[in-house]
Every structure is written in structure tokens, then in C-alpha cells.
N, C-alpha and C. Protein backbone atom coordinates (compact mmCIF):
# COMPACT_ATOMS: atom_id res chain seq x y z
N UNK A 1 44.31 104.50 47.68
CA UNK A 1 45.46 104.61 48.26
C UNK A 1 45.71 105.73 47.34
N UNK A 2 46.81 106.96 47.88
CA UNK A 2 47.07 107.79 46.89
C UNK A 2 48.66 107.26 46.34
N UNK A 3 48.69 107.96 45.57
CA UNK A 3 49.99 107.29 44.55
C UNK A 3 50.90 108.67 44.60
N UNK A 4 52.28 108.43 45.06
CA UNK A 4 53.41 109.48 45.36
C UNK A 4 54.09 109.45 44.69
N UNK A 5 54.26 110.89 44.01
CA UNK A 5 55.38 110.72 42.51
C UNK A 5 56.45 111.19 43.45
N UNK A 6 57.33 109.75 42.42
CA UNK A 6 58.94 110.33 43.26
C UNK A 6 59.70 111.65 42.81
N UNK A 7 60.45 111.85 44.20
CA UNK A 7 61.13 113.33 43.76
C UNK A 7 62.48 112.85 42.93
N UNK A 8 62.53 114.12 42.14
CA UNK A 8 63.81 113.52 41.28
C UNK A 8 65.08 113.92 42.44
N UNK A 9 66.23 113.35 41.75
CA UNK A 9 67.43 113.48 42.79
C UNK A 9 68.22 114.66 42.63
N UNK A 10 68.52 114.84 43.78
CA UNK A 10 69.17 116.27 43.88
C UNK A 10 70.53 116.18 43.39
N UNK A 11 70.61 117.53 42.85
CA UNK A 11 72.08 117.50 42.33
C UNK A 11 72.42 116.42 40.98
N UNK A 12 71.52 115.93 40.49
CA UNK A 12 71.66 115.36 39.06
C UNK A 12 70.75 115.86 37.83
N UNK A 13 71.07 115.89 36.84
CA UNK A 13 70.56 116.66 35.95
C UNK A 13 69.22 115.49 35.38
N UNK A 14 69.48 114.28 35.10
CA UNK A 14 68.16 113.46 34.82
C UNK A 14 67.41 113.27 36.10
N UNK A 15 66.04 113.55 35.90
CA UNK A 15 65.11 113.66 37.12
C UNK A 15 64.36 112.10 36.98
N UNK A 16 64.52 111.69 35.79
CA UNK A 16 63.61 110.70 35.78
C UNK A 16 64.16 109.16 34.74
N UNK A 17 64.04 107.78 35.22
CA UNK A 17 64.38 106.97 34.43
C UNK A 17 62.66 106.26 33.65
N UNK A 18 61.84 106.94 32.93
CA UNK A 18 60.43 106.44 32.43
C UNK A 18 60.68 104.54 31.77
N UNK A 19 59.89 103.80 32.17
CA UNK A 19 59.94 102.72 31.47
C UNK A 19 59.66 102.88 29.80
N UNK A 20 60.47 101.83 29.07
CA UNK A 20 60.20 102.01 27.80
C UNK A 20 58.79 101.28 27.58
N UNK A 21 58.50 101.17 26.12
CA UNK A 21 57.31 100.89 25.85
C UNK A 21 57.38 98.73 25.59
N UNK A 22 58.59 98.44 25.42
CA UNK A 22 58.82 97.13 25.54
C UNK A 22 59.11 96.83 27.03
N UNK A 23 59.11 97.40 27.83
CA UNK A 23 59.29 96.59 29.32
C UNK A 23 58.06 95.92 29.74
N UNK A 24 58.64 94.47 30.33
CA UNK A 24 57.65 93.98 31.16
C UNK A 24 57.12 94.04 32.37
N UNK A 25 57.94 95.22 33.03
CA UNK A 25 57.79 95.23 34.30
C UNK A 25 57.80 96.88 34.61
N UNK A 26 56.82 97.32 35.45
CA UNK A 26 56.77 98.69 35.75
C UNK A 26 56.10 98.96 37.19
N UNK A 27 56.82 99.49 38.04
CA UNK A 27 56.43 99.91 39.62
C UNK A 27 55.83 101.56 39.72
N UNK A 28 55.05 101.43 40.47
CA UNK A 28 54.91 103.13 41.41
C UNK A 28 54.91 102.76 42.56
N UNK A 29 55.19 104.07 43.18
CA UNK A 29 55.31 104.06 44.89
C UNK A 29 54.10 104.59 45.35
N UNK A 30 53.48 103.89 46.30
CA UNK A 30 52.19 104.02 46.87
C UNK A 30 52.35 104.40 48.49
N UNK A 31 51.51 104.95 49.04
CA UNK A 31 51.68 105.19 50.34
C UNK A 31 50.80 104.35 51.11
N UNK A 32 51.09 103.27 51.89
CA UNK A 32 50.33 102.21 52.41
C UNK A 32 49.86 102.89 53.91
N UNK A 33 50.59 103.71 54.35
CA UNK A 33 50.58 104.20 55.85
C UNK A 33 51.35 103.77 56.88
N UNK A 34 52.57 102.85 56.31
CA UNK A 34 53.33 102.48 57.40
C UNK A 34 54.53 103.41 57.56
N UNK A 35 54.84 104.89 56.86
CA UNK A 35 55.76 105.21 57.10
C UNK A 35 57.09 104.83 56.29
N UNK A 36 56.91 103.84 55.30
CA UNK A 36 58.54 103.86 54.90
C UNK A 36 58.93 104.58 54.23
N UNK A 37 58.02 105.34 53.14
CA UNK A 37 58.59 106.25 52.31
C UNK A 37 58.76 107.31 52.75
N UNK A 38 58.54 108.08 54.16
CA UNK A 38 59.03 108.91 54.56
C UNK A 38 60.39 108.37 55.42
N UNK A 39 60.95 107.26 55.83
CA UNK A 39 62.13 107.03 56.07
C UNK A 39 63.10 107.12 54.79
N UNK A 40 62.42 106.81 53.40
CA UNK A 40 63.58 106.41 52.33
C UNK A 40 64.09 107.93 51.83
N UNK A 41 62.86 108.72 51.84
CA UNK A 41 62.82 109.98 51.37
C UNK A 41 64.01 111.06 52.31
N UNK A 42 64.48 110.63 53.64
CA UNK A 42 65.56 111.17 54.53
C UNK A 42 67.05 110.78 54.29
N UNK A 43 67.13 109.78 53.38
CA UNK A 43 68.67 109.60 53.01
C UNK A 43 69.27 110.28 52.33
N UNK A 44 70.56 110.49 52.32
CA UNK A 44 71.11 111.94 52.02
C UNK A 44 71.31 111.11 50.25
N UNK A 45 71.45 112.34 49.47
CA UNK A 45 72.05 111.91 47.92
C UNK A 45 73.02 111.35 47.48
N UNK A 46 73.12 110.74 46.36
CA UNK A 46 74.17 110.14 46.05
C UNK A 46 75.34 111.27 45.76
N UNK A 47 76.68 110.89 46.14
CA UNK A 47 77.82 111.73 46.18
C UNK A 47 78.30 111.56 44.68
N UNK A 48 78.68 112.59 44.33
CA UNK A 48 79.45 112.82 42.93
C UNK A 48 80.60 112.21 43.28
N UNK A 49 81.26 111.02 41.98
CA UNK A 49 82.87 110.71 41.98
C UNK A 49 83.21 110.96 40.44
N UNK A 50 84.40 110.95 40.89
CA UNK A 50 85.33 111.09 39.58
C UNK A 50 86.37 110.33 39.23
N UNK A 51 86.41 110.10 38.05
CA UNK A 51 87.33 108.99 37.44
C UNK A 51 88.15 109.43 36.46
N UNK A 52 88.99 108.55 36.22
CA UNK A 52 90.24 109.12 35.19
C UNK A 52 90.04 108.02 34.10
N UNK A 53 89.66 108.12 33.20
CA UNK A 53 89.80 107.62 31.58
C UNK A 53 90.88 107.75 30.99
N UNK A 54 91.02 106.53 30.15
CA UNK A 54 91.97 106.99 29.06
C UNK A 54 91.31 107.13 27.67
N UNK A 55 90.58 107.73 27.43
CA UNK A 55 89.79 108.59 25.94
C UNK A 55 90.78 109.62 25.91
N UNK A 56 91.25 109.70 24.21
CA UNK A 56 91.87 110.51 23.82
C UNK A 56 91.33 111.80 23.45
N UNK A 57 89.60 111.46 23.24
CA UNK A 57 89.15 112.57 22.28
C UNK A 57 87.76 112.20 22.79
N UNK A 58 86.77 113.74 22.53
CA UNK A 58 85.46 113.23 23.00
C UNK A 58 84.74 112.99 21.65
N UNK A 59 85.19 113.17 20.73
CA UNK A 59 84.66 112.35 19.32
C UNK A 59 85.50 111.27 19.16
N UNK A 60 84.44 110.00 18.91
CA UNK A 60 84.43 108.53 18.62
C UNK A 60 84.16 108.36 17.24
N UNK A 61 85.43 108.19 16.59
CA UNK A 61 85.19 107.73 14.88
C UNK A 61 84.73 106.21 14.70
N UNK A 62 83.57 106.10 13.82
CA UNK A 62 83.41 104.65 13.19
C UNK A 62 83.42 104.75 11.79
N UNK A 63 84.12 103.46 11.52
CA UNK A 63 84.20 103.12 10.00
C UNK A 63 83.35 101.90 9.79
N UNK A 64 82.40 101.77 10.19
CA UNK A 64 81.42 100.57 9.70
C UNK A 64 80.73 101.24 8.79
N UNK A 65 80.44 100.06 7.69
CA UNK A 65 79.57 100.50 6.68
C UNK A 65 78.06 100.18 6.90
N UNK A 66 77.53 99.94 8.09
CA UNK A 66 76.39 99.63 8.29
C UNK A 66 75.61 100.50 9.20
N UNK A 67 76.52 101.54 9.73
CA UNK A 67 76.20 102.61 10.61
C UNK A 67 76.09 104.01 9.67
N UNK A 68 75.06 104.70 9.80
CA UNK A 68 75.08 105.84 9.02
C UNK A 68 75.44 107.02 9.01
N UNK A 69 76.82 107.09 10.16
CA UNK A 69 77.41 108.18 10.68
C UNK A 69 78.85 107.70 10.77
N UNK A 70 79.58 108.45 10.74
CA UNK A 70 81.11 108.39 11.15
C UNK A 70 81.50 108.85 12.28
N UNK A 71 81.16 109.47 13.02
CA UNK A 71 81.22 110.34 14.55
C UNK A 71 80.44 110.29 15.41
N UNK A 72 80.57 110.16 16.71
CA UNK A 72 79.65 110.44 17.75
C UNK A 72 80.51 110.62 18.75
N UNK A 73 79.65 111.39 20.09
CA UNK A 73 80.18 111.37 21.15
C UNK A 73 80.70 110.16 21.87
N UNK A 74 82.06 110.10 22.44
CA UNK A 74 82.93 109.36 23.02
C UNK A 74 81.71 109.04 24.53
N UNK A 75 81.24 107.75 24.61
CA UNK A 75 80.22 107.76 25.57
C UNK A 75 81.28 107.71 26.99
N UNK A 76 82.39 107.35 26.83
CA UNK A 76 83.20 107.15 28.40
C UNK A 76 83.66 108.49 28.60
N UNK A 77 83.48 109.41 27.70
CA UNK A 77 83.96 111.06 28.41
C UNK A 77 82.14 111.16 28.93
N UNK A 78 81.40 110.70 28.28
CA UNK A 78 79.93 111.31 28.77
C UNK A 78 79.63 112.55 28.86
N UNK A 79 78.54 112.88 29.43
CA UNK A 79 78.05 114.34 29.88
C UNK A 79 77.81 114.46 31.46
N UNK A 80 78.13 115.62 32.10
CA UNK A 80 77.62 115.48 33.29
C UNK A 80 76.60 115.72 33.71
N UNK A 81 75.41 115.78 32.93
CA UNK A 81 73.93 115.94 33.36
C UNK A 81 73.52 114.83 34.20
N UNK A 82 74.12 113.54 34.19
CA UNK A 82 73.72 112.45 34.61
C UNK A 82 72.47 111.74 33.75
N UNK A 83 72.85 111.59 32.36
CA UNK A 83 71.71 110.83 31.36
C UNK A 83 71.51 109.60 31.86
N UNK A 84 70.64 109.51 31.66
CA UNK A 84 69.79 107.86 31.64
C UNK A 84 70.23 107.35 30.77
N UNK A 85 71.25 106.10 30.70
CA UNK A 85 71.26 105.20 29.31
C UNK A 85 71.83 104.49 29.77
């Protein structure tokens, strides 16, 4: 059977979410001739939603002695690229 490569989601920056090396489970799509994958590919893409957050800054400050940096990007501001994390 032929392995069908997954299509990246339209309108999103992250096109994949590969398994990490510690993952116990992985999956691949295979065409078994039932036409199920054709039906799945006809679904409309996910809609973008906007939400309001209360973050005051894009930069988060960290004053912990066990972390080797004191500034990072506020994850609740995030990015619009659709990063997978």
C-alpha cells in the first residue's frame, strides 16, 4: 500500500508536528482503498480565532536562580505563525 504524505494545513505557519524521539506512539496515513482519506481532505481548514489576553508585555522576566536567562517571549502573546508547542 502507498503511504500518503499528509497535507500541511492551509493558512497556518506550522505544517507538521513530528514525533519526538521519546514518543511511544507514532502513526502514518495509509490508503487502504476505502476512500476515507478523500473524505478527510475535503474538510474546510480551521478558522482563525482571536482572543483578548491580559498580558502587559511581550517580554516575560524571570528571576529564578536555576534558569540561565532572565527574559523570554511571553507565551501567551505568542506568535501568529501557528507554532507547534
